[in-house]
C-alpha atoms as a PDB file:
ATOM      1  CA  MET A   1     -24.738   4.707 -10.302  1.00  0.00           C
ATOM      2  CA  LEU A   2     -21.613   2.625 -10.133  1.00  0.00           C
ATOM      3  CA  GLU A   3     -21.161  -1.086 -10.756  1.00  0.00           C
ATOM      4  CA  VAL A   4     -18.832  -2.917  -8.353  1.00  0.00           C
ATOM      5  CA  TYR A   5     -18.362  -6.663  -8.860  1.00  0.00           C
ATOM      6  CA  GLY A   6     -21.768  -6.979 -10.445  1.00  0.00           C
ATOM      7  CA  GLU A   7     -23.569  -4.868  -7.827  1.00  0.00           C
ATOM      8  CA  THR A   8     -24.940  -1.455  -8.725  1.00  0.00           C
ATOM      9  CA  ILE A   9     -24.593   1.179  -6.037  1.00  0.00           C
ATOM     10  CA  ALA A  10     -25.479   4.861  -5.878  1.00  0.00           C
ATOM     11  CA  VAL A  11     -22.659   7.378  -5.812  1.00  0.00           C
ATOM     12  CA  THR A  12     -23.150  10.889  -4.470  1.00  0.00           C
ATOM     13  CA  MET A  13     -22.488  13.742  -6.848  1.00  0.00           C
ATOM     14  CA  ALA A  14     -19.549  14.899  -4.695  1.00  0.00           C
ATOM     15  CA  ALA A  15     -17.964  11.457  -4.779  1.00  0.00           C
ATOM     16  CA  GLU A  16     -18.500  11.270  -8.522  1.00  0.00           C
ATOM     17  CA  ARG A  17     -16.802  14.660  -9.000  1.00  0.00           C
ATOM     18  CA  ARG A  18     -13.833  13.539  -6.875  1.00  0.00           C
ATOM     19  CA  ARG A  19     -13.552  10.287  -8.827  1.00  0.00           C
ATOM     20  CA  ASN A  20     -13.652  12.121 -12.153  1.00  0.00           C
ATOM     21  CA  ALA A  21     -11.074  14.678 -10.979  1.00  0.00           C
ATOM     22  CA  PHE A  22      -8.465  12.009 -10.272  1.00  0.00           C
ATOM     23  CA  SER A  23      -6.097  11.580 -13.184  1.00  0.00           C
ATOM     24  CA  ARG A  24      -4.431   8.159 -13.210  1.00  0.00           C
ATOM     25  CA  SER A  25      -1.826   9.186 -15.747  1.00  0.00           C
ATOM     26  CA  SER A  26      -0.586  12.135 -13.713  1.00  0.00           C
ATOM     27  CA  MET A  27      -1.224  10.677 -10.244  1.00  0.00           C
ATOM     28  CA  SER A  28      -2.879  13.982  -9.370  1.00  0.00           C
ATOM     29  CA  THR A  29      -2.946  15.041  -5.756  1.00  0.00           C
ATOM     30  CA  ALA A  30      -5.237  18.018  -6.367  1.00  0.00           C
ATOM     31  CA  SER A  31      -8.258  18.316  -4.115  1.00  0.00           C
ATOM     32  CA  SER A  32     -10.305  21.187  -2.811  1.00  0.00           C
ATOM     33  CA  VAL A  33     -11.128  19.598   0.548  1.00  0.00           C
ATOM     34  CA  LYS A  34      -7.859  18.207   1.903  1.00  0.00           C
ATOM     35  CA  THR A  35      -5.842  19.720   4.693  1.00  0.00           C
ATOM     36  CA  THR A  36      -2.460  20.907   3.526  1.00  0.00           C
ATOM     37  CA  VAL A  37       0.730  20.514   5.507  1.00  0.00           C
ATOM     38  CA  ALA A  38       3.432  23.159   5.400  1.00  0.00           C
ATOM     39  CA  ALA A  39       6.300  20.788   6.106  1.00  0.00           C
ATOM     40  CA  LEU A  40       7.065  17.119   5.771  1.00  0.00           C
ATOM     41  CA  PRO A  41       6.646  15.348   9.122  1.00  0.00           C
ATOM     42  CA  ASP A  42       9.599  13.770  10.914  1.00  0.00           C
ATOM     43  CA  ALA A  43      11.227  10.863   9.040  1.00  0.00           C
ATOM     44  CA  THR A  44       9.918   8.356  11.586  1.00  0.00           C
ATOM     45  CA  VAL A  45       6.379   9.507  10.809  1.00  0.00           C
ATOM     46  CA  THR A  46       6.730   9.266   7.035  1.00  0.00           C
ATOM     47  CA  THR A  47       8.376   5.852   7.358  1.00  0.00           C
ATOM     48  CA  ARG A  48       5.509   4.698   9.585  1.00  0.00           C
ATOM     49  CA  ILE A  49       2.964   5.986   7.076  1.00  0.00           C
ATOM     50  CA  ILE A  50       4.611   3.970   4.290  1.00  0.00           C
ATOM     51  CA  GLU A  51       4.675   0.841   6.484  1.00  0.00           C
ATOM     52  CA  GLU A  52       1.032   1.216   7.512  1.00  0.00           C
ATOM     53  CA  GLY A  53      -0.183   0.588   3.970  1.00  0.00           C
ATOM     54  CA  TYR A  54       2.324  -1.956   2.750  1.00  0.00           C
ATOM     55  CA  GLY A  55       3.535  -3.766   5.838  1.00  0.00           C
ATOM     56  CA  PRO A  56       4.665  -5.158   8.215  1.00  0.00           C
ATOM     57  CA  GLY A  57       1.295  -5.204   9.858  1.00  0.00           C
ATOM     58  CA  ALA A  58      -1.434  -2.657  10.399  1.00  0.00           C
ATOM     59  CA  TRP A  59      -4.016  -2.320  13.145  1.00  0.00           C
ATOM     60  CA  HIS A  60      -6.873  -1.959  10.662  1.00  0.00           C
ATOM     61  CA  GLY A  61      -6.495  -5.333   8.997  1.00  0.00           C
ATOM     62  CA  ALA A  62      -4.437  -6.802   6.218  1.00  0.00           C
ATOM     63  CA  ASP A  63      -1.934  -4.439   4.666  1.00  0.00           C
ATOM     64  CA  MET A  64      -0.813  -5.004   1.074  1.00  0.00           C
ATOM     65  CA  ARG A  65       1.969  -7.449   2.001  1.00  0.00           C
ATOM     66  CA  ALA A  66      -0.361  -9.491   4.220  1.00  0.00           C
ATOM     67  CA  SER A  67      -3.132  -9.510   1.620  1.00  0.00           C
ATOM     68  CA  ILE A  68      -0.924 -11.177  -0.999  1.00  0.00           C
ATOM     69  CA  ALA A  69       1.169 -13.322   1.374  1.00  0.00           C
ATOM     70  CA  GLU A  70      -0.584 -16.649   0.875  1.00  0.00           C
ATOM     71  CA  VAL A  71      -2.085 -16.071  -2.557  1.00  0.00           C
ATOM     72  CA  THR A  72      -1.279 -18.881  -4.972  1.00  0.00           C
ATOM     73  CA  ALA A  73      -0.609 -18.324  -8.650  1.00  0.00           C
ATOM     74  CA  LYS A  74      -3.933 -19.959  -9.471  1.00  0.00           C
ATOM     75  CA  THR A  75      -5.790 -17.550  -7.178  1.00  0.00           C
ATOM     76  CA  ALA A  76      -3.739 -14.552  -8.358  1.00  0.00           C
ATOM     77  CA  PHE A  77      -4.841 -14.974 -11.967  1.00  0.00           C
ATOM     78  CA  SER A  78      -8.480 -15.921 -11.240  1.00  0.00           C
ATOM     79  CA  ARG A  79     -11.051 -13.232 -11.919  1.00  0.00           C
ATOM     80  CA  PRO A  80     -13.929 -12.633  -9.496  1.00  0.00           C
ATOM     81  CA  GLY A  81     -16.194 -11.973 -12.463  1.00  0.00           C
ATOM     82  CA  PRO A  82     -16.044 -11.340 -16.205  1.00  0.00           C
ATOM     83  CA  GLY A  83     -14.132  -8.179 -17.024  1.00  0.00           C
ATOM     84  CA  ARG A  84     -12.929  -7.704 -13.419  1.00  0.00           C
ATOM     85  CA  HIS A  85      -9.332  -7.234 -12.327  1.00  0.00           C
ATOM     86  CA  ASN A  86      -7.604 -10.176 -10.736  1.00  0.00           C
ATOM     87  CA  ILE A  87      -5.202 -10.043  -7.785  1.00  0.00           C
ATOM     88  CA  ALA A  88      -2.109 -10.151 -10.023  1.00  0.00           C
ATOM     89  CA  GLU A  89      -3.319  -7.111 -11.970  1.00  0.00           C
ATOM     90  CA  ILE A  90      -4.106  -5.190  -8.783  1.00  0.00           C
ATOM     91  CA  ALA A  91      -0.722  -5.997  -7.242  1.00  0.00           C
ATOM     92  CA  LEU A  92       1.169  -4.968 -10.387  1.00  0.00           C
ATOM     93  CA  HIS A  93      -0.955  -1.816 -10.711  1.00  0.00           C
ATOM     94  CA  HIS A  94      -0.025  -0.877  -7.159  1.00  0.00           C
ATOM     95  CA  ALA A  95       3.653  -1.588  -7.887  1.00  0.00           C
ATOM     96  CA  TRP A  96       3.441   0.782 -10.860  1.00  0.00           C
ATOM     97  CA  CYS A  97       1.829   3.466  -8.672  1.00  0.00           C
ATOM     98  CA  VAL A  98       4.498   3.016  -5.978  1.00  0.00           C
ATOM     99  CA  ARG A  99       7.131   3.420  -8.700  1.00  0.00           C
ATOM    100  CA  SER A 100       5.433   6.586  -9.938  1.00  0.00           C
ATOM    101  CA  VAL A 101       5.486   8.086  -6.431  1.00  0.00           C
ATOM    102  CA  ALA A 102       9.141   7.090  -5.914  1.00  0.00           C
ATOM    103  CA  ASN A 103      10.053   8.646  -9.269  1.00  0.00           C
ATOM    104  CA  GLN A 104       8.230  11.869  -8.429  1.00  0.00           C
ATOM    105  CA  LEU A 105       9.854  12.117  -4.992  1.00  0.00           C
ATOM    106  CA  SER A 106      13.370  11.348  -6.228  1.00  0.00           C
ATOM    107  CA  GLY A 107      13.248  12.945  -9.655  1.00  0.00           C
ATOM    108  CA  ASP A 108      14.839   9.728 -10.953  1.00  0.00           C
ATOM    109  CA  GLU A 109      13.113   7.271 -13.271  1.00  0.00           C
ATOM    110  CA  GLY A 110      15.083   4.311 -11.971  1.00  0.00           C
ATOM    111  CA  ALA A 111      15.324   1.082 -13.941  1.00  0.00           C
ATOM    112  CA  PRO A 112      12.602   0.355 -16.507  1.00  0.00           C
ATOM    113  CA  PHE A 113       9.387  -1.132 -15.125  1.00  0.00           C
ATOM    114  CA  VAL A 114       8.912  -4.874 -15.520  1.00  0.00           C
ATOM    115  CA  LEU A 115       6.358  -4.390 -18.350  1.00  0.00           C
ATOM    116  CA  GLU A 116       5.934  -1.646 -20.933  1.00  0.00           C
ATOM    117  CA  GLY A 117       2.930   0.568 -20.416  1.00  0.00           C
ATOM    118  CA  ALA A 118       1.430   2.406 -17.515  1.00  0.00           C
ATOM    119  CA  ASP A 119      -0.931   1.922 -14.596  1.00  0.00           C
ATOM    120  CA  TRP A 120      -2.995  -1.200 -15.421  1.00  0.00           C
ATOM    121  CA  PHE A 121      -1.642  -4.290 -17.151  1.00  0.00           C
ATOM    122  CA  ASP A 122      -3.584  -7.253 -18.528  1.00  0.00           C
ATOM    123  CA  LEU A 123      -2.417 -10.348 -16.663  1.00  0.00           C
ATOM    124  CA  SER A 124      -4.897 -13.014 -17.657  1.00  0.00           C
ATOM    125  CA  ASP A 125      -2.389 -15.746 -16.847  1.00  0.00           C
ATOM    126  CA  ALA A 126       1.243 -16.297 -15.910  1.00  0.00           C
ATOM    127  CA  LYS A 127       2.384 -16.212 -19.559  1.00  0.00           C
ATOM    128  CA  THR A 128       2.806 -12.430 -19.458  1.00  0.00           C
ATOM    129  CA  LEU A 129       4.349 -12.309 -15.984  1.00  0.00           C
ATOM    130  CA  ALA A 130       4.577 -15.033 -13.348  1.00  0.00           C
ATOM    131  CA  TRP A 131       2.931 -14.405  -9.968  1.00  0.00           C
ATOM    132  CA  ALA A 132       6.348 -14.682  -8.248  1.00  0.00           C
ATOM    133  CA  LYS A 133       7.643 -11.908 -10.537  1.00  0.00           C
ATOM    134  CA  VAL A 134       4.598  -9.742  -9.761  1.00  0.00           C
ATOM    135  CA  THR A 135       5.189 -10.047  -6.015  1.00  0.00           C
ATOM    136  CA  ALA A 136       8.947  -9.516  -6.408  1.00  0.00           C
ATOM    137  CA  THR A 137       8.279  -6.388  -8.460  1.00  0.00           C
ATOM    138  CA  LEU A 138       5.894  -5.043  -5.841  1.00  0.00           C
ATOM    139  CA  GLU A 139       8.410  -5.743  -3.054  1.00  0.00           C
ATOM    140  CA  ALA A 140      11.269  -4.118  -4.999  1.00  0.00           C
ATOM    141  CA  GLU A 141       9.258  -0.998  -5.817  1.00  0.00           C
ATOM    142  CA  GLN A 142       8.078  -0.710  -2.210  1.00  0.00           C
ATOM    143  CA  ASP A 143      11.647  -1.124  -0.916  1.00  0.00           C
ATOM    144  CA  ARG A 144      12.852   1.566  -3.329  1.00  0.00           C
ATOM    145  CA  LEU A 145      10.109   3.948  -2.148  1.00  0.00           C
ATOM    146  CA  ALA A 146      10.876   3.257   1.528  1.00  0.00           C
ATOM    147  CA  THR A 147      14.573   3.967   0.904  1.00  0.00           C
ATOM    148  CA  ILE A 148      13.811   7.218  -0.917  1.00  0.00           C
ATOM    149  CA  VAL A 149      11.463   8.383   1.850  1.00  0.00           C
ATOM    150  CA  ALA A 150      14.036   7.475   4.523  1.00  0.00           C
ATOM    151  CA  ASP A 151      16.859   9.195   2.623  1.00  0.00           C
ATOM    152  CA  ILE A 152      14.829  12.385   2.176  1.00  0.00           C
ATOM    153  CA  GLY A 153      13.828  12.319   5.832  1.00  0.00           C
ATOM    154  CA  ALA A 154      17.432  11.830   6.987  1.00  0.00           C
ATOM    155  CA  GLY A 155      18.765  14.539   4.680  1.00  0.00           C
ATOM    156  CA  ARG A 156      20.752  12.067   2.544  1.00  0.00           C
ATOM    157  CA  ALA A 157      18.660  13.030  -0.499  1.00  0.00           C
ATOM    158  CA  GLN A 158      16.524  15.940  -1.563  1.00  0.00           C
ATOM    159  CA  SER A 159      13.312  16.096  -3.516  1.00  0.00           C
ATOM    160  CA  ALA A 160      12.583  18.869  -5.981  1.00  0.00           C
ATOM    161  CA  LEU A 161       8.966  18.795  -4.785  1.00  0.00           C
ATOM    162  CA  PRO A 162       7.693  21.050  -2.022  1.00  0.00           C
ATOM    163  CA  GLU A 163       7.332  19.205   1.287  1.00  0.00           C
ATOM    164  CA  SER A 164       3.541  19.478   1.142  1.00  0.00           C
ATOM    165  CA  GLU A 165       3.512  17.631  -2.201  1.00  0.00           C
ATOM    166  CA  GLN A 166       5.908  15.014  -0.857  1.00  0.00           C
ATOM    167  CA  PHE A 167       3.544  14.384   2.037  1.00  0.00           C
ATOM    168  CA  ASP A 168       0.544  14.177  -0.310  1.00  0.00           C
ATOM    169  CA  LEU A 169       2.317  11.514  -2.373  1.00  0.00           C
ATOM    170  CA  ILE A 170       3.415   9.492   0.665  1.00  0.00           C
ATOM    171  CA  LEU A 171      -0.031   9.582   2.247  1.00  0.00           C
ATOM    172  CA  GLY A 172      -1.731   8.974  -1.088  1.00  0.00           C
ATOM    173  CA  VAL A 173       0.259   5.864  -1.990  1.00  0.00           C
ATOM    174  CA  THR A 174      -0.391   4.506   1.503  1.00  0.00           C
ATOM    175  CA  CYS A 175      -4.140   5.014   1.117  1.00  0.00           C
ATOM    176  CA  HIS A 176      -3.855   3.388  -2.309  1.00  0.00           C
ATOM    177  CA  ALA A 177      -2.180   0.338  -0.730  1.00  0.00           C
ATOM    178  CA  VAL A 178      -4.855   0.052   1.960  1.00  0.00           C
ATOM    179  CA  TYR A 179      -7.648   0.357  -0.617  1.00  0.00           C
ATOM    180  CA  HIS A 180      -6.217  -2.352  -2.856  1.00  0.00           C
ATOM    181  CA  ALA A 181      -5.323  -4.609   0.083  1.00  0.00           C
ATOM    182  CA  GLY A 182      -8.992  -4.542   1.059  1.00  0.00           C
ATOM    183  CA  GLN A 183      -9.992  -5.194  -2.533  1.00  0.00           C
ATOM    184  CA  ILE A 184      -7.662  -8.208  -2.661  1.00  0.00           C
ATOM    185  CA  GLN A 185      -9.140  -9.526   0.583  1.00  0.00           C
ATOM    186  CA  LEU A 186     -12.617  -9.235  -0.962  1.00  0.00           C
ATOM    187  CA  ILE A 187     -11.546 -11.003  -4.151  1.00  0.00           C
ATOM    188  CA  LYS A 188     -10.123 -13.889  -2.107  1.00  0.00           C
ATOM    189  CA  VAL A 189     -13.518 -14.277  -0.417  1.00  0.00           C
ATOM    190  CA  LEU A 190     -15.367 -14.077  -3.727  1.00  0.00           C
ATOM    191  CA  LEU A 191     -13.163 -16.757  -5.261  1.00  0.00           C
END
């Protein structure tokens, strides 16, 4: 059983095993059921994959950029329920994950992240980090990732990772963006 925003739902054993296998700290891409790719697709394909999750625009609904576009600071820091993540926390979490993928692809840590720590950050209000800074951080990290992916695709940069791992990271962070964009859309409705 799994509790989601106060609702208890059943989770299959396979889904539970997959959820438990994912390591947030290592951003694991290990899975026994995914199709592997031998080579990184053309640069236009990888760029499109990155854009599909973050923006500008996706056929499936709001991408990450669209989901946060008209969110006010008041809404960003409001929680849909006690102990639940707010939109600001989700957006900053995704920015941290985008940074992690960019770092892994480039082999470069880049500038320090906006807050110390990793993965999830407590943002109960704007005192820790203003909503405008959260969105600017997300945009900057996404721009850095898009540049790294484009540079690798155009041969201007190289990644130490095998192309199959590069693809897994690019696809994974895009799926992550789509998941959290949907979650943000749900939170806006709940609020």
